[in-house]
Amino acid sequence: MDCAEEIAALRREVGPLVGGEDRLSFDLLGGRMVVAADAGVVPDTVIVAAARRAGLRATAVGADTAAEPGRWRRHGRLVAAVMSGCGIGAGVLIHGISSGNALDAVGLSATPSALPVGSVAAYVFATVAGAWFVVPRAWAAARRLRPDMNLLMTIAVIGALALGEVLEAASVSFLFALAGLLESWSVARARNAVRTLLDLAPPTARMLDPTTRTERSVPPALVAVGTRWWCSLASGCPWTESSPEVWPR
């Protein structure tokens, strides 16, 4: 998951299977969807299939397949955007060399010449590469009869190709691929920042036992909300030792 649009698609597909969208919660930065315990027993395969219909891939938390994403899943968007950009550059270069006019190659000449076959092939390649991650989601949106940006972009590219404007089709495809790459990078940076903050959390918590009036070190997950903490000036506590909220050492 990289955006709210994908969360909305998951709500539409998975929600009816678990008794309503209110039984789903999402951690966008963590890339996780949580089904409430009162949703009943829904097989993982059913949820995975619903996520696939929404245009996304899903694996159950703890499954072997969720251990580590492959290289293509981690770097696929970057490869697609780079290949699309290289295809456009190659097409412009071939056209410029063929016509001997740089303005003609970028469509700014007053008397444009016909595109060489090499440029057409390069632009088509750039279009396919840029739309590689978009077309599956556009197809899923079309099947659900719920148009989204992926479907609209695909229609625009198909329309440009139908009109013979292969450079425009390649440019739209490349820009959309670049936008998807930047969005994926920003979400990944936010996820890494959250993981770094979580790694700073102490492995143990010092807790005041209300019965024995002694200090105990326990895992933070075992400390209930409202538990009184042991604190002193020596440990850098912001309160004074006479504070009624803590037991002075």
C-alpha atoms as a PDB file:
ATOM      1  CA  MET A   1       0.000   0.000   0.000  1.00  0.00           C
ATOM      2  CA  ASP A   2       1.308   3.402  -0.986  1.00  0.00           C
ATOM      3  CA  CYS A   3      -1.701   5.719  -0.938  1.00  0.00           C
ATOM      4  CA  ALA A   4      -5.252   6.257   0.327  1.00  0.00           C
ATOM      5  CA  GLU A   5      -6.680   5.230  -3.052  1.00  0.00           C
ATOM      6  CA  GLU A   6      -5.343   1.712  -2.592  1.00  0.00           C
ATOM      7  CA  ILE A   7      -6.802   1.569   0.922  1.00  0.00           C
ATOM      8  CA  ALA A   8     -10.196   2.540  -0.486  1.00  0.00           C
ATOM      9  CA  ALA A   9      -9.934  -0.266  -3.059  1.00  0.00           C
ATOM     10  CA  LEU A  10      -9.147  -2.769  -0.308  1.00  0.00           C
ATOM     11  CA  ARG A  11     -12.098  -1.562   1.752  1.00  0.00           C
ATOM     12  CA  ARG A  12     -14.431  -2.140  -1.190  1.00  0.00           C
ATOM     13  CA  GLU A  13     -13.137  -5.627  -1.945  1.00  0.00           C
ATOM     14  CA  VAL A  14     -12.351  -7.026   1.511  1.00  0.00           C
ATOM     15  CA  GLY A  15     -14.977  -5.199   3.560  1.00  0.00           C
ATOM     16  CA  PRO A  16     -17.996  -7.267   2.409  1.00  0.00           C
ATOM     17  CA  LEU A  17     -16.108 -10.492   3.158  1.00  0.00           C
ATOM     18  CA  VAL A  18     -15.485  -9.630   6.827  1.00  0.00           C
ATOM     19  CA  GLY A  19     -18.839  -8.076   7.661  1.00  0.00           C
ATOM     20  CA  GLY A  20     -18.179  -4.439   6.807  1.00  0.00           C
ATOM     21  CA  GLU A  21     -15.441  -1.886   6.263  1.00  0.00           C
ATOM     22  CA  ASP A  22     -15.509  -0.955   9.962  1.00  0.00           C
ATOM     23  CA  ARG A  23     -13.847  -4.307  10.734  1.00  0.00           C
ATOM     24  CA  LEU A  24     -10.757  -3.316   8.760  1.00  0.00           C
ATOM     25  CA  SER A  25      -7.922  -1.095   9.902  1.00  0.00           C
ATOM     26  CA  PHE A  26      -4.874  -0.048   7.933  1.00  0.00           C
ATOM     27  CA  ASP A  27      -1.290   0.818   8.738  1.00  0.00           C
ATOM     28  CA  LEU A  28      -0.172   2.686   5.618  1.00  0.00           C
ATOM     29  CA  LEU A  29       3.407   3.179   6.777  1.00  0.00           C
ATOM     30  CA  GLY A  30       3.696  -0.445   7.817  1.00  0.00           C
ATOM     31  CA  GLY A  31       1.917  -1.704   4.696  1.00  0.00           C
ATOM     32  CA  ARG A  32      -0.509  -3.820   6.742  1.00  0.00           C
ATOM     33  CA  MET A  33      -4.235  -4.453   6.812  1.00  0.00           C
ATOM     34  CA  VAL A  34      -5.745  -5.798  10.039  1.00  0.00           C
ATOM     35  CA  VAL A  35      -9.055  -7.659  10.208  1.00  0.00           C
ATOM     36  CA  ALA A  36     -10.920  -7.320  13.516  1.00  0.00           C
ATOM     37  CA  ALA A  37     -11.302 -10.421  15.664  1.00  0.00           C
ATOM     38  CA  ASP A  38     -15.109 -10.187  15.585  1.00  0.00           C
ATOM     39  CA  ALA A  39     -15.143 -10.460  11.781  1.00  0.00           C
ATOM     40  CA  GLY A  40     -15.375 -14.243  11.989  1.00  0.00           C
ATOM     41  CA  VAL A  41     -13.122 -16.851  10.449  1.00  0.00           C
ATOM     42  CA  VAL A  42     -12.189 -15.769   6.940  1.00  0.00           C
ATOM     43  CA  PRO A  43      -9.538 -17.903   5.197  1.00  0.00           C
ATOM     44  CA  ASP A  44      -6.331 -16.112   4.278  1.00  0.00           C
ATOM     45  CA  THR A  45      -6.694 -17.284   0.695  1.00  0.00           C
ATOM     46  CA  VAL A  46     -10.027 -15.469   0.382  1.00  0.00           C
ATOM     47  CA  ILE A  47      -8.546 -12.193   1.649  1.00  0.00           C
ATOM     48  CA  VAL A  48      -5.505 -12.551  -0.602  1.00  0.00           C
ATOM     49  CA  ALA A  49      -7.766 -13.141  -3.595  1.00  0.00           C
ATOM     50  CA  ALA A  50      -9.814 -10.047  -2.713  1.00  0.00           C
ATOM     51  CA  ALA A  51      -6.661  -7.956  -2.466  1.00  0.00           C
ATOM     52  CA  ARG A  52      -5.617  -9.244  -5.889  1.00  0.00           C
ATOM     53  CA  ARG A  53      -8.963  -8.129  -7.316  1.00  0.00           C
ATOM     54  CA  ALA A  54      -8.187  -4.681  -5.921  1.00  0.00           C
ATOM     55  CA  GLY A  55      -4.957  -4.669  -7.919  1.00  0.00           C
ATOM     56  CA  LEU A  56      -2.643  -5.388  -4.981  1.00  0.00           C
ATOM     57  CA  ARG A  57      -0.601  -8.305  -3.726  1.00  0.00           C
ATOM     58  CA  ALA A  58      -1.064  -9.584  -0.191  1.00  0.00           C
ATOM     59  CA  THR A  59       0.426 -12.226   2.086  1.00  0.00           C
ATOM     60  CA  ALA A  60      -0.599 -13.236   5.576  1.00  0.00           C
ATOM     61  CA  VAL A  61       1.608 -11.793   8.316  1.00  0.00           C
ATOM     62  CA  GLY A  62       3.988 -14.490   9.474  1.00  0.00           C
ATOM     63  CA  ALA A  63       3.742 -16.504   6.269  1.00  0.00           C
ATOM     64  CA  ASP A  64       6.965 -17.648   4.650  1.00  0.00           C
ATOM     65  CA  THR A  65       6.164 -15.711   1.502  1.00  0.00           C
ATOM     66  CA  ALA A  66       6.116 -12.453   3.480  1.00  0.00           C
ATOM     67  CA  ALA A  67       9.647 -12.842   4.766  1.00  0.00           C
ATOM     68  CA  GLU A  68      11.462 -10.719   2.208  1.00  0.00           C
ATOM     69  CA  PRO A  69      10.179  -9.111  -1.012  1.00  0.00           C
ATOM     70  CA  GLY A  70      12.036  -9.973  -4.195  1.00  0.00           C
ATOM     71  CA  ARG A  71      14.281  -7.609  -6.095  1.00  0.00           C
ATOM     72  CA  TRP A  72      11.636  -6.838  -8.688  1.00  0.00           C
ATOM     73  CA  ARG A  73       9.108  -5.831  -6.031  1.00  0.00           C
ATOM     74  CA  ARG A  74      11.711  -3.611  -4.359  1.00  0.00           C
ATOM     75  CA  HIS A  75      13.195  -2.024  -7.478  1.00  0.00           C
ATOM     76  CA  GLY A  76      10.612  -2.674 -10.202  1.00  0.00           C
ATOM     77  CA  ARG A  77       9.220   0.846 -10.272  1.00  0.00           C
ATOM     78  CA  LEU A  78      12.693   2.328 -10.580  1.00  0.00           C
ATOM     79  CA  VAL A  79      13.590  -0.020 -13.434  1.00  0.00           C
ATOM     80  CA  ALA A  80      10.328   0.710 -15.253  1.00  0.00           C
ATOM     81  CA  ALA A  81      10.731   4.499 -14.955  1.00  0.00           C
ATOM     82  CA  VAL A  82      14.371   4.408 -16.083  1.00  0.00           C
ATOM     83  CA  MET A  83      13.597   2.153 -19.054  1.00  0.00           C
ATOM     84  CA  SER A  84      10.709   4.393 -20.068  1.00  0.00           C
ATOM     85  CA  GLY A  85      12.885   7.497 -19.907  1.00  0.00           C
ATOM     86  CA  CYS A  86      15.656   5.785 -21.872  1.00  0.00           C
ATOM     87  CA  GLY A  87      13.146   4.743 -24.520  1.00  0.00           C
ATOM     88  CA  ILE A  88      12.008   8.348 -24.979  1.00  0.00           C
ATOM     89  CA  GLY A  89      15.587   9.559 -25.138  1.00  0.00           C
ATOM     90  CA  ALA A  90      16.470   6.921 -27.731  1.00  0.00           C
ATOM     91  CA  GLY A  91      13.434   7.808 -29.842  1.00  0.00           C
ATOM     92  CA  VAL A  92      14.268  11.519 -29.819  1.00  0.00           C
ATOM     93  CA  LEU A  93      17.905  10.794 -30.684  1.00  0.00           C
ATOM     94  CA  ILE A  94      17.002   8.521 -33.611  1.00  0.00           C
ATOM     95  CA  HIS A  95      14.514  11.060 -34.943  1.00  0.00           C
ATOM     96  CA  GLY A  96      16.978  13.922 -34.596  1.00  0.00           C
ATOM     97  CA  ILE A  97      19.717  12.045 -36.420  1.00  0.00           C
ATOM     98  CA  SER A  98      17.326  10.903 -39.148  1.00  0.00           C
ATOM     99  CA  SER A  99      15.833  14.343 -39.848  1.00  0.00           C
ATOM    100  CA  GLY A 100      18.919  16.398 -39.032  1.00  0.00           C
ATOM    101  CA  ASN A 101      16.719  18.808 -37.053  1.00  0.00           C
ATOM    102  CA  ALA A 102      16.652  18.770 -33.258  1.00  0.00           C
ATOM    103  CA  LEU A 103      13.395  20.780 -33.121  1.00  0.00           C
ATOM    104  CA  ASP A 104      11.741  18.265 -35.393  1.00  0.00           C
ATOM    105  CA  ALA A 105      12.735  15.464 -33.016  1.00  0.00           C
ATOM    106  CA  VAL A 106      10.814  17.039 -30.108  1.00  0.00           C
ATOM    107  CA  GLY A 107       7.819  18.079 -32.211  1.00  0.00           C
ATOM    108  CA  LEU A 108       8.595  21.818 -32.379  1.00  0.00           C
ATOM    109  CA  SER A 109       9.446  22.098 -36.061  1.00  0.00           C
ATOM    110  CA  ALA A 110       7.148  24.090 -38.348  1.00  0.00           C
ATOM    111  CA  THR A 111       7.369  21.323 -40.931  1.00  0.00           C
ATOM    112  CA  PRO A 112       7.523  18.063 -38.993  1.00  0.00           C
ATOM    113  CA  SER A 113       8.800  14.989 -40.768  1.00  0.00           C
ATOM    114  CA  ALA A 114       7.521  11.443 -40.473  1.00  0.00           C
ATOM    115  CA  LEU A 115       8.771   9.434 -37.522  1.00  0.00           C
ATOM    116  CA  PRO A 116      11.430   6.849 -38.325  1.00  0.00           C
ATOM    117  CA  VAL A 117      10.550   3.253 -37.561  1.00  0.00           C
ATOM    118  CA  GLY A 118      13.282   3.177 -34.906  1.00  0.00           C
ATOM    119  CA  SER A 119      11.738   6.132 -33.077  1.00  0.00           C
ATOM    120  CA  VAL A 120       8.275   4.579 -33.179  1.00  0.00           C
ATOM    121  CA  ALA A 121       9.632   1.345 -31.719  1.00  0.00           C
ATOM    122  CA  ALA A 122      11.513   3.253 -28.994  1.00  0.00           C
ATOM    123  CA  TYR A 123       8.427   5.273 -28.044  1.00  0.00           C
ATOM    124  CA  VAL A 124       6.233   2.168 -27.912  1.00  0.00           C
ATOM    125  CA  PHE A 125       8.828   0.501 -25.705  1.00  0.00           C
ATOM    126  CA  ALA A 126       8.845   3.566 -23.411  1.00  0.00           C
ATOM    127  CA  THR A 127       5.050   3.482 -23.236  1.00  0.00           C
ATOM    128  CA  VAL A 128       4.919  -0.190 -22.277  1.00  0.00           C
ATOM    129  CA  ALA A 129       7.665   0.194 -19.668  1.00  0.00           C
ATOM    130  CA  GLY A 130       6.052   3.233 -18.058  1.00  0.00           C
ATOM    131  CA  ALA A 131       2.618   1.623 -17.907  1.00  0.00           C
ATOM    132  CA  TRP A 132       3.856  -1.749 -16.650  1.00  0.00           C
ATOM    133  CA  PHE A 133       2.609  -1.225 -13.084  1.00  0.00           C
ATOM    134  CA  VAL A 134      -0.410   0.841 -14.112  1.00  0.00           C
ATOM    135  CA  VAL A 135      -2.280  -1.380 -16.565  1.00  0.00           C
ATOM    136  CA  PRO A 136      -3.035  -4.224 -14.079  1.00  0.00           C
ATOM    137  CA  ARG A 137      -4.600  -1.756 -11.648  1.00  0.00           C
ATOM    138  CA  ALA A 138      -6.457  -0.046 -14.484  1.00  0.00           C
ATOM    139  CA  TRP A 139      -7.872  -3.413 -15.553  1.00  0.00           C
ATOM    140  CA  ALA A 140      -8.955  -4.138 -11.980  1.00  0.00           C
ATOM    141  CA  ALA A 141     -10.686  -0.736 -11.791  1.00  0.00           C
ATOM    142  CA  ALA A 142     -12.440  -1.347 -15.113  1.00  0.00           C
ATOM    143  CA  ARG A 143     -13.735  -4.737 -13.959  1.00  0.00           C
ATOM    144  CA  ARG A 144     -15.106  -3.161 -10.766  1.00  0.00           C
ATOM    145  CA  LEU A 145     -16.642  -0.308 -12.802  1.00  0.00           C
ATOM    146  CA  ARG A 146     -14.854   2.134 -10.500  1.00  0.00           C
ATOM    147  CA  PRO A 147     -12.662   4.461 -12.596  1.00  0.00           C
ATOM    148  CA  ASP A 148      -9.488   5.730 -10.948  1.00  0.00           C
ATOM    149  CA  MET A 149      -6.330   7.560 -11.992  1.00  0.00           C
ATOM    150  CA  ASN A 150      -4.759   4.367 -13.298  1.00  0.00           C
ATOM    151  CA  LEU A 151      -7.680   3.720 -15.633  1.00  0.00           C
ATOM    152  CA  LEU A 152      -7.827   7.340 -16.806  1.00  0.00           C
ATOM    153  CA  MET A 153      -4.098   7.360 -17.564  1.00  0.00           C
ATOM    154  CA  THR A 154      -4.373   4.101 -19.481  1.00  0.00           C
ATOM    155  CA  ILE A 155      -7.258   5.476 -21.556  1.00  0.00           C
ATOM    156  CA  ALA A 156      -5.228   8.617 -22.315  1.00  0.00           C
ATOM    157  CA  VAL A 157      -2.258   6.547 -23.466  1.00  0.00           C
ATOM    158  CA  ILE A 158      -4.427   4.285 -25.627  1.00  0.00           C
ATOM    159  CA  GLY A 159      -6.085   7.344 -27.162  1.00  0.00           C
ATOM    160  CA  ALA A 160      -2.723   8.916 -27.979  1.00  0.00           C
ATOM    161  CA  LEU A 161      -1.536   5.696 -29.608  1.00  0.00           C
ATOM    162  CA  ALA A 162      -4.762   5.458 -31.605  1.00  0.00           C
ATOM    163  CA  LEU A 163      -4.149   8.983 -32.924  1.00  0.00           C
ATOM    164  CA  GLY A 164      -0.596   8.101 -33.849  1.00  0.00           C
ATOM    165  CA  GLU A 165       0.921  10.395 -31.219  1.00  0.00           C
ATOM    166  CA  VAL A 166       3.423   7.879 -29.906  1.00  0.00           C
ATOM    167  CA  LEU A 167       5.715  10.510 -28.363  1.00  0.00           C
ATOM    168  CA  GLU A 168       2.826  11.948 -26.338  1.00  0.00           C
ATOM    169  CA  ALA A 169       1.787   8.464 -25.233  1.00  0.00           C
ATOM    170  CA  ALA A 170       5.334   7.677 -24.132  1.00  0.00           C
ATOM    171  CA  SER A 171       5.636  11.012 -22.295  1.00  0.00           C
ATOM    172  CA  VAL A 172       2.398  10.494 -20.344  1.00  0.00           C
ATOM    173  CA  SER A 173       3.407   6.961 -19.481  1.00  0.00           C
ATOM    174  CA  PHE A 174       6.864   8.047 -18.320  1.00  0.00           C
ATOM    175  CA  LEU A 175       5.570  10.925 -16.176  1.00  0.00           C
ATOM    176  CA  PHE A 176       3.026   8.669 -14.484  1.00  0.00           C
ATOM    177  CA  ALA A 177       5.703   6.050 -13.827  1.00  0.00           C
ATOM    178  CA  LEU A 178       7.948   8.757 -12.366  1.00  0.00           C
ATOM    179  CA  ALA A 179       5.129   9.981 -10.110  1.00  0.00           C
ATOM    180  CA  GLY A 180       4.512   6.435  -8.883  1.00  0.00           C
ATOM    181  CA  LEU A 181       8.213   5.982  -8.196  1.00  0.00           C
ATOM    182  CA  LEU A 182       8.432   9.211  -6.174  1.00  0.00           C
ATOM    183  CA  GLU A 183       5.324   8.250  -4.210  1.00  0.00           C
ATOM    184  CA  SER A 184       6.787   4.823  -3.462  1.00  0.00           C
ATOM    185  CA  TRP A 185      10.081   6.389  -2.362  1.00  0.00           C
ATOM    186  CA  SER A 186       8.378   8.866  -0.037  1.00  0.00           C
ATOM    187  CA  VAL A 187       6.331   6.141   1.647  1.00  0.00           C
ATOM    188  CA  ALA A 188       9.421   3.935   1.984  1.00  0.00           C
ATOM    189  CA  ARG A 189      11.369   6.782   3.623  1.00  0.00           C
ATOM    190  CA  ALA A 190       8.519   7.375   6.066  1.00  0.00           C
ATOM    191  CA  ARG A 191       8.403   3.664   6.895  1.00  0.00           C
ATOM    192  CA  ASN A 192      12.142   3.581   7.523  1.00  0.00           C
ATOM    193  CA  ALA A 193      11.864   6.645   9.760  1.00  0.00           C
ATOM    194  CA  VAL A 194       9.133   4.988  11.833  1.00  0.00           C
ATOM    195  CA  ARG A 195      11.203   1.798  12.141  1.00  0.00           C
ATOM    196  CA  THR A 196      14.181   3.854  13.303  1.00  0.00           C
ATOM    197  CA  LEU A 197      12.064   5.514  15.983  1.00  0.00           C
ATOM    198  CA  LEU A 198      10.738   2.161  17.141  1.00  0.00           C
ATOM    199  CA  ASP A 199      14.288   0.833  17.371  1.00  0.00           C
ATOM    200  CA  LEU A 200      15.061   3.647  19.827  1.00  0.00           C
ATOM    201  CA  ALA A 201      12.479   2.321  22.282  1.00  0.00           C
ATOM    202  CA  PRO A 202      14.148   0.803  25.399  1.00  0.00           C
ATOM    203  CA  PRO A 203      14.014  -3.003  25.644  1.00  0.00           C
ATOM    204  CA  THR A 204      12.763  -2.869  29.245  1.00  0.00           C
ATOM    205  CA  ALA A 205      10.647  -0.580  31.395  1.00  0.00           C
ATOM    206  CA  ARG A 206      11.142   0.161  35.097  1.00  0.00           C
ATOM    207  CA  MET A 207       7.811  -0.184  36.859  1.00  0.00           C
ATOM    208  CA  LEU A 208       6.800   0.517  40.451  1.00  0.00           C
ATOM    209  CA  ASP A 209       5.143  -2.471  42.114  1.00  0.00           C
ATOM    210  CA  PRO A 210       2.235  -0.979  44.158  1.00  0.00           C
ATOM    211  CA  THR A 211       2.234  -3.831  46.667  1.00  0.00           C
ATOM    212  CA  THR A 212       5.918  -4.336  47.447  1.00  0.00           C
ATOM    213  CA  ARG A 213       6.955  -0.734  46.694  1.00  0.00           C
ATOM    214  CA  THR A 214       9.896  -2.055  44.753  1.00  0.00           C
ATOM    215  CA  GLU A 215      11.149  -1.554  41.254  1.00  0.00           C
ATOM    216  CA  ARG A 216      10.701  -4.208  38.566  1.00  0.00           C
ATOM    217  CA  SER A 217      12.099  -4.339  35.034  1.00  0.00           C
ATOM    218  CA  VAL A 218       9.572  -5.706  32.553  1.00  0.00           C
ATOM    219  CA  PRO A 219       9.091  -5.656  28.760  1.00  0.00           C
ATOM    220  CA  PRO A 220       7.224  -2.488  27.679  1.00  0.00           C
ATOM    221  CA  ALA A 221       4.458  -4.582  26.109  1.00  0.00           C
ATOM    222  CA  LEU A 222       3.510  -5.899  29.583  1.00  0.00           C
ATOM    223  CA  VAL A 223       2.993  -2.436  31.086  1.00  0.00           C
ATOM    224  CA  ALA A 224      -0.693  -1.575  31.213  1.00  0.00           C
ATOM    225  CA  VAL A 225      -2.060   1.877  30.530  1.00  0.00           C
ATOM    226  CA  GLY A 226      -2.078   3.958  33.716  1.00  0.00           C
ATOM    227  CA  THR A 227       0.755   2.097  35.415  1.00  0.00           C
ATOM    228  CA  ARG A 228       2.937   4.289  37.644  1.00  0.00           C
ATOM    229  CA  TRP A 229       6.540   4.480  36.587  1.00  0.00           C
ATOM    230  CA  TRP A 230       9.652   4.597  38.743  1.00  0.00           C
ATOM    231  CA  CYS A 231      11.411   7.896  38.270  1.00  0.00           C
ATOM    232  CA  SER A 232      14.158   9.931  39.890  1.00  0.00           C
ATOM    233  CA  LEU A 233      16.244  12.985  39.167  1.00  0.00           C
ATOM    234  CA  ALA A 234      19.288  10.773  38.623  1.00  0.00           C
ATOM    235  CA  SER A 235      17.573   9.016  35.699  1.00  0.00           C
ATOM    236  CA  GLY A 236      16.730  12.296  33.986  1.00  0.00           C
ATOM    237  CA  CYS A 237      13.058  12.370  34.930  1.00  0.00           C
ATOM    238  CA  PRO A 238      11.400  15.732  34.166  1.00  0.00           C
ATOM    239  CA  TRP A 239       9.464  15.617  37.456  1.00  0.00           C
ATOM    240  CA  THR A 240      10.831  16.311  40.927  1.00  0.00           C
ATOM    241  CA  GLU A 241      11.167  13.534  43.454  1.00  0.00           C
ATOM    242  CA  SER A 242       8.365  15.095  45.486  1.00  0.00           C
ATOM    243  CA  SER A 243       5.929  14.746  42.612  1.00  0.00           C
ATOM    244  CA  PRO A 244       2.776  12.866  43.696  1.00  0.00           C
ATOM    245  CA  GLU A 245       2.839  10.940  40.421  1.00  0.00           C
ATOM    246  CA  VAL A 246       5.927   8.915  41.338  1.00  0.00           C
ATOM    247  CA  TRP A 247       7.244   7.259  44.402  1.00  0.00           C
ATOM    248  CA  PRO A 248      10.483   9.043  45.449  1.00  0.00           C
ATOM    249  CA  ARG A 249      13.588   6.915  45.676  1.00  0.00           C
END
